[in-house]
Amino acid sequence: LWLLMIATPGMYAHVHAGSLTYMSDTIQSSWLAVGTNHTIQFTIANAVLGGKIVVTPEINAFKIPNSLTYKDIDFIVNGVHRRLNGVPGAPELLNGNMVYAIGVTIVSGTAGKITFALHNEDLINAGSTIVIRIGKNSDIEDAGDWHIRNPKEAGSYRIVIETQNAANQVVDSGTAMIAIVG
């Protein structure tokens, strides 16, 4: 069972600063309390230089397992895979452009979140489309082993995505809604 929920400005999006557009979170299963793959996609309105992208599943609903690591995640910008690591990394040449490994910090539990930290010289341009695959569907650098667990009760739940600048100020944000059924 695949479920696609899309939030657009004026529909379900909750906007703090700039608005993320073309947001979606496609999950593999909408069943209660099961681990499932997430494919999150959005387009940023404003450039992110040396900042962060933070994915926060609804508190006290989704559960991020302790075992989830950056190896269970793919991060793709405009169709190009970006290398992930535990900390922002040294530059490398990719398709003629200098890019940096993105540092991933994962807070597990039902108040969890996943933070993607850019190197202070790393830039993701305005208008870029970002795809984040979390779970066993991540397969570019490493095959994923762990999923985010769905809520235990049926209902509609939020996944909040923010881009932040180097001073941790919100630049763009949006909310995707996911329906969980019993």
C-alpha atoms as a PDB file:
ATOM      1  CA  LEU A   1       0.000   0.000   0.000  1.00  0.00           C
ATOM      2  CA  TRP A   2       1.486   3.334  -1.084  1.00  0.00           C
ATOM      3  CA  LEU A   3       0.136   6.657   0.114  1.00  0.00           C
ATOM      4  CA  LEU A   4       1.106  10.066  -1.196  1.00  0.00           C
ATOM      5  CA  MET A   5       0.129  13.200   0.679  1.00  0.00           C
ATOM      6  CA  ILE A   6       1.058  16.571  -0.770  1.00  0.00           C
ATOM      7  CA  ALA A   7       0.973  19.896   1.043  1.00  0.00           C
ATOM      8  CA  THR A   8       1.016  23.099  -0.936  1.00  0.00           C
ATOM      9  CA  PRO A   9       0.796  26.720   0.253  1.00  0.00           C
ATOM     10  CA  GLY A  10      -2.794  27.518   1.100  1.00  0.00           C
ATOM     11  CA  MET A  11      -3.736  23.845   1.440  1.00  0.00           C
ATOM     12  CA  TYR A  12      -2.003  22.198   4.426  1.00  0.00           C
ATOM     13  CA  ALA A  13       1.312  24.045   4.483  1.00  0.00           C
ATOM     14  CA  HIS A  14       2.343  25.842   7.654  1.00  0.00           C
ATOM     15  CA  VAL A  15       4.644  28.681   6.684  1.00  0.00           C
ATOM     16  CA  HIS A  16       7.196  30.387   8.947  1.00  0.00           C
ATOM     17  CA  ALA A  17       9.398  32.195   6.437  1.00  0.00           C
ATOM     18  CA  GLY A  18       9.723  31.281   2.775  1.00  0.00           C
ATOM     19  CA  SER A  19       7.484  28.454   1.701  1.00  0.00           C
ATOM     20  CA  LEU A  20       8.746  25.107   0.506  1.00  0.00           C
ATOM     21  CA  THR A  21       6.851  24.062  -2.608  1.00  0.00           C
ATOM     22  CA  TYR A  22       5.968  20.797  -4.308  1.00  0.00           C
ATOM     23  CA  MET A  23       6.180  19.051  -0.935  1.00  0.00           C
ATOM     24  CA  SER A  24       5.342  15.404  -0.562  1.00  0.00           C
ATOM     25  CA  ASP A  25       6.137  12.476   1.686  1.00  0.00           C
ATOM     26  CA  THR A  26       5.390   9.160   0.045  1.00  0.00           C
ATOM     27  CA  ILE A  27       5.330   6.296   2.524  1.00  0.00           C
ATOM     28  CA  GLN A  28       5.487   2.599   1.733  1.00  0.00           C
ATOM     29  CA  SER A  29       2.816   1.630   4.242  1.00  0.00           C
ATOM     30  CA  SER A  30       0.126   3.580   6.067  1.00  0.00           C
ATOM     31  CA  TRP A  31      -0.579   0.789   8.563  1.00  0.00           C
ATOM     32  CA  LEU A  32      -0.442   1.437  12.293  1.00  0.00           C
ATOM     33  CA  ALA A  33       2.844   1.025  14.187  1.00  0.00           C
ATOM     34  CA  VAL A  34       4.889  -0.475  11.339  1.00  0.00           C
ATOM     35  CA  GLY A  35       8.277   0.650  10.119  1.00  0.00           C
ATOM     36  CA  THR A  36       8.011   2.189   6.675  1.00  0.00           C
ATOM     37  CA  ASN A  37      10.082   3.873   3.994  1.00  0.00           C
ATOM     38  CA  HIS A  38       9.690   7.628   3.486  1.00  0.00           C
ATOM     39  CA  THR A  39      10.469   9.512   0.290  1.00  0.00           C
ATOM     40  CA  ILE A  40      10.304  13.218   1.067  1.00  0.00           C
ATOM     41  CA  GLN A  41      10.514  15.691  -1.792  1.00  0.00           C
ATOM     42  CA  PHE A  42      10.344  19.494  -1.833  1.00  0.00           C
ATOM     43  CA  THR A  43      11.651  22.554  -3.642  1.00  0.00           C
ATOM     44  CA  ILE A  44      13.339  25.300  -1.646  1.00  0.00           C
ATOM     45  CA  ALA A  45      12.416  28.944  -2.256  1.00  0.00           C
ATOM     46  CA  ASN A  46      15.639  30.445  -0.872  1.00  0.00           C
ATOM     47  CA  ALA A  47      19.275  29.386  -1.095  1.00  0.00           C
ATOM     48  CA  VAL A  48      20.843  27.564   1.853  1.00  0.00           C
ATOM     49  CA  LEU A  49      24.502  28.453   2.463  1.00  0.00           C
ATOM     50  CA  GLY A  50      26.233  26.588   5.279  1.00  0.00           C
ATOM     51  CA  GLY A  51      22.917  25.994   7.002  1.00  0.00           C
ATOM     52  CA  LYS A  52      20.700  23.036   7.819  1.00  0.00           C
ATOM     53  CA  ILE A  53      17.701  21.137   6.618  1.00  0.00           C
ATOM     54  CA  VAL A  54      15.658  19.699   9.480  1.00  0.00           C
ATOM     55  CA  VAL A  55      13.010  16.976   9.114  1.00  0.00           C
ATOM     56  CA  THR A  56      10.770  16.639  12.179  1.00  0.00           C
ATOM     57  CA  PRO A  57       8.064  13.956  12.264  1.00  0.00           C
ATOM     58  CA  GLU A  58       5.101  14.820  14.496  1.00  0.00           C
ATOM     59  CA  ILE A  59       6.095  14.568  18.172  1.00  0.00           C
ATOM     60  CA  ASN A  60       4.642  11.610  20.137  1.00  0.00           C
ATOM     61  CA  ALA A  61       3.496   9.968  16.911  1.00  0.00           C
ATOM     62  CA  PHE A  62       6.290   8.667  14.660  1.00  0.00           C
ATOM     63  CA  LYS A  63       9.226   6.872  16.248  1.00  0.00           C
ATOM     64  CA  ILE A  64      12.766   7.146  14.909  1.00  0.00           C
ATOM     65  CA  PRO A  65      14.668   4.016  15.993  1.00  0.00           C
ATOM     66  CA  ASN A  66      18.017   4.265  17.815  1.00  0.00           C
ATOM     67  CA  SER A  67      19.567   2.181  15.035  1.00  0.00           C
ATOM     68  CA  LEU A  68      18.701   4.625  12.212  1.00  0.00           C
ATOM     69  CA  THR A  69      21.898   6.226  10.838  1.00  0.00           C
ATOM     70  CA  TYR A  70      22.938   8.307   7.847  1.00  0.00           C
ATOM     71  CA  LYS A  71      23.532   4.991   6.057  1.00  0.00           C
ATOM     72  CA  ASP A  72      19.730   4.503   6.017  1.00  0.00           C
ATOM     73  CA  ILE A  73      19.235   7.791   4.152  1.00  0.00           C
ATOM     74  CA  ASP A  74      19.738   9.124   0.622  1.00  0.00           C
ATOM     75  CA  PHE A  75      19.954  12.896   0.031  1.00  0.00           C
ATOM     76  CA  ILE A  76      19.540  14.033  -3.579  1.00  0.00           C
ATOM     77  CA  VAL A  77      19.707  17.626  -4.857  1.00  0.00           C
ATOM     78  CA  ASN A  78      18.459  18.286  -8.401  1.00  0.00           C
ATOM     79  CA  GLY A  79      18.954  14.618  -9.267  1.00  0.00           C
ATOM     80  CA  VAL A  80      22.520  14.470  -7.898  1.00  0.00           C
ATOM     81  CA  HIS A  81      23.277  12.262  -4.883  1.00  0.00           C
ATOM     82  CA  ARG A  82      25.055  14.050  -2.042  1.00  0.00           C
ATOM     83  CA  ARG A  83      27.427  12.118   0.202  1.00  0.00           C
ATOM     84  CA  LEU A  84      26.300  11.836   3.832  1.00  0.00           C
ATOM     85  CA  ASN A  85      28.417  11.483   6.952  1.00  0.00           C
ATOM     86  CA  GLY A  86      28.161  12.008  10.695  1.00  0.00           C
ATOM     87  CA  VAL A  87      29.652  15.514  10.302  1.00  0.00           C
ATOM     88  CA  PRO A  88      29.943  17.971   7.388  1.00  0.00           C
ATOM     89  CA  GLY A  89      32.907  16.853   5.348  1.00  0.00           C
ATOM     90  CA  ALA A  90      35.805  17.995   3.232  1.00  0.00           C
ATOM     91  CA  PRO A  91      35.190  19.187  -0.324  1.00  0.00           C
ATOM     92  CA  GLU A  92      35.243  16.861  -3.325  1.00  0.00           C
ATOM     93  CA  LEU A  93      34.809  17.436  -7.035  1.00  0.00           C
ATOM     94  CA  LEU A  94      31.502  16.112  -8.416  1.00  0.00           C
ATOM     95  CA  ASN A  95      30.503  16.735 -12.052  1.00  0.00           C
ATOM     96  CA  GLY A  96      32.884  19.681 -12.197  1.00  0.00           C
ATOM     97  CA  ASN A  97      31.490  21.286  -9.018  1.00  0.00           C
ATOM     98  CA  MET A  98      33.002  21.418  -5.544  1.00  0.00           C
ATOM     99  CA  VAL A  99      30.656  19.728  -3.064  1.00  0.00           C
ATOM    100  CA  TYR A 100      30.913  18.718   0.584  1.00  0.00           C
ATOM    101  CA  ALA A 101      29.653  15.732   2.543  1.00  0.00           C
ATOM    102  CA  ILE A 102      26.494  16.628   4.463  1.00  0.00           C
ATOM    103  CA  GLY A 103      26.586  15.907   8.202  1.00  0.00           C
ATOM    104  CA  VAL A 104      23.575  14.005   9.523  1.00  0.00           C
ATOM    105  CA  THR A 105      22.431  14.139  13.143  1.00  0.00           C
ATOM    106  CA  ILE A 106      19.571  11.883  14.203  1.00  0.00           C
ATOM    107  CA  VAL A 107      17.609  12.300  17.411  1.00  0.00           C
ATOM    108  CA  SER A 108      15.777   9.018  18.011  1.00  0.00           C
ATOM    109  CA  GLY A 109      12.513   8.353  19.785  1.00  0.00           C
ATOM    110  CA  THR A 110       9.009   9.831  19.509  1.00  0.00           C
ATOM    111  CA  ALA A 111      10.400  13.375  19.804  1.00  0.00           C
ATOM    112  CA  GLY A 112      13.001  12.707  17.147  1.00  0.00           C
ATOM    113  CA  LYS A 113      14.262  14.649  14.170  1.00  0.00           C
ATOM    114  CA  ILE A 114      16.842  14.359  11.423  1.00  0.00           C
ATOM    115  CA  THR A 115      19.171  17.291  10.762  1.00  0.00           C
ATOM    116  CA  PHE A 116      21.273  17.645   7.615  1.00  0.00           C
ATOM    117  CA  ALA A 117      24.114  20.122   8.286  1.00  0.00           C
ATOM    118  CA  LEU A 118      25.900  21.717   5.353  1.00  0.00           C
ATOM    119  CA  HIS A 119      29.589  22.639   5.432  1.00  0.00           C
ATOM    120  CA  ASN A 120      29.924  26.417   5.977  1.00  0.00           C
ATOM    121  CA  GLU A 121      30.916  26.869   2.303  1.00  0.00           C
ATOM    122  CA  ASP A 122      28.312  24.478   0.884  1.00  0.00           C
ATOM    123  CA  LEU A 123      25.445  26.036  -1.067  1.00  0.00           C
ATOM    124  CA  ILE A 124      22.109  24.636  -2.212  1.00  0.00           C
ATOM    125  CA  ASN A 125      20.638  27.130  -4.674  1.00  0.00           C
ATOM    126  CA  ALA A 126      17.155  28.605  -4.519  1.00  0.00           C
ATOM    127  CA  GLY A 127      14.729  26.584  -6.621  1.00  0.00           C
ATOM    128  CA  SER A 128      16.582  23.309  -5.982  1.00  0.00           C
ATOM    129  CA  THR A 129      14.527  20.146  -5.634  1.00  0.00           C
ATOM    130  CA  ILE A 130      15.566  17.927  -2.742  1.00  0.00           C
ATOM    131  CA  VAL A 131      14.628  14.263  -2.342  1.00  0.00           C
ATOM    132  CA  ILE A 132      15.306  12.504   0.966  1.00  0.00           C
ATOM    133  CA  ARG A 133      14.780   8.742   1.120  1.00  0.00           C
ATOM    134  CA  ILE A 134      14.680   7.288   4.629  1.00  0.00           C
ATOM    135  CA  GLY A 135      14.573   3.545   5.241  1.00  0.00           C
ATOM    136  CA  LYS A 136      15.209   0.433   3.215  1.00  0.00           C
ATOM    137  CA  ASN A 137      14.514   2.458   0.057  1.00  0.00           C
ATOM    138  CA  SER A 138      17.862   4.260   0.469  1.00  0.00           C
ATOM    139  CA  ASP A 139      20.242   2.495  -1.845  1.00  0.00           C
ATOM    140  CA  ILE A 140      22.657   4.932  -3.466  1.00  0.00           C
ATOM    141  CA  GLU A 141      25.634   4.856  -1.114  1.00  0.00           C
ATOM    142  CA  ASP A 142      24.549   2.181   1.363  1.00  0.00           C
ATOM    143  CA  ALA A 143      21.507  -0.074   1.474  1.00  0.00           C
ATOM    144  CA  GLY A 144      19.164   1.067   4.250  1.00  0.00           C
ATOM    145  CA  ASP A 145      18.345  -1.302   7.107  1.00  0.00           C
ATOM    146  CA  TRP A 146      16.005   0.737   9.348  1.00  0.00           C
ATOM    147  CA  HIS A 147      12.670   2.595   8.998  1.00  0.00           C
ATOM    148  CA  ILE A 148      10.791   5.284  10.857  1.00  0.00           C
ATOM    149  CA  ARG A 149       7.896   3.619  12.722  1.00  0.00           C
ATOM    150  CA  ASN A 150       4.356   4.855  12.025  1.00  0.00           C
ATOM    151  CA  PRO A 151       2.099   6.162  14.814  1.00  0.00           C
ATOM    152  CA  LYS A 152       0.110   3.652  16.889  1.00  0.00           C
ATOM    153  CA  GLU A 153      -3.238   5.397  16.268  1.00  0.00           C
ATOM    154  CA  ALA A 154      -5.063   6.146  13.018  1.00  0.00           C
ATOM    155  CA  GLY A 155      -5.173   9.783  11.967  1.00  0.00           C
ATOM    156  CA  SER A 156      -3.451  12.547  10.028  1.00  0.00           C
ATOM    157  CA  TYR A 157       0.093  13.415  11.043  1.00  0.00           C
ATOM    158  CA  ARG A 158       2.632  16.086  10.128  1.00  0.00           C
ATOM    159  CA  ILE A 159       6.180  15.975   8.875  1.00  0.00           C
ATOM    160  CA  VAL A 160       7.721  19.448   9.252  1.00  0.00           C
ATOM    161  CA  ILE A 161      10.655  20.429   7.056  1.00  0.00           C
ATOM    162  CA  GLU A 162      12.726  23.562   7.623  1.00  0.00           C
ATOM    163  CA  THR A 163      15.743  25.043   5.951  1.00  0.00           C
ATOM    164  CA  GLN A 164      17.901  27.155   8.243  1.00  0.00           C
ATOM    165  CA  ASN A 165      20.772  29.531   7.612  1.00  0.00           C
ATOM    166  CA  ALA A 166      24.149  29.277   9.352  1.00  0.00           C
ATOM    167  CA  ALA A 167      22.723  31.283  12.299  1.00  0.00           C
ATOM    168  CA  ASN A 168      19.963  28.634  12.770  1.00  0.00           C
ATOM    169  CA  GLN A 169      17.235  31.030  11.580  1.00  0.00           C
ATOM    170  CA  VAL A 170      14.407  29.475   9.580  1.00  0.00           C
ATOM    171  CA  VAL A 171      14.670  30.379   5.892  1.00  0.00           C
ATOM    172  CA  ASP A 172      11.979  28.140   4.337  1.00  0.00           C
ATOM    173  CA  SER A 173       9.500  25.749   5.912  1.00  0.00           C
ATOM    174  CA  GLY A 174       6.526  23.590   5.145  1.00  0.00           C
ATOM    175  CA  THR A 175       4.463  20.711   6.451  1.00  0.00           C
ATOM    176  CA  ALA A 176       3.477  17.506   4.676  1.00  0.00           C
ATOM    177  CA  MET A 177       0.488  15.554   5.994  1.00  0.00           C
ATOM    178  CA  ILE A 178       0.393  11.769   6.170  1.00  0.00           C
ATOM    179  CA  ALA A 179      -2.690   9.631   6.831  1.00  0.00           C
ATOM    180  CA  ILE A 180      -2.201   6.524   8.975  1.00  0.00           C
ATOM    181  CA  VAL A 181      -4.985   3.930   8.895  1.00  0.00           C
ATOM    182  CA  GLY A 182      -5.816   0.934  11.020  1.00  0.00           C
END
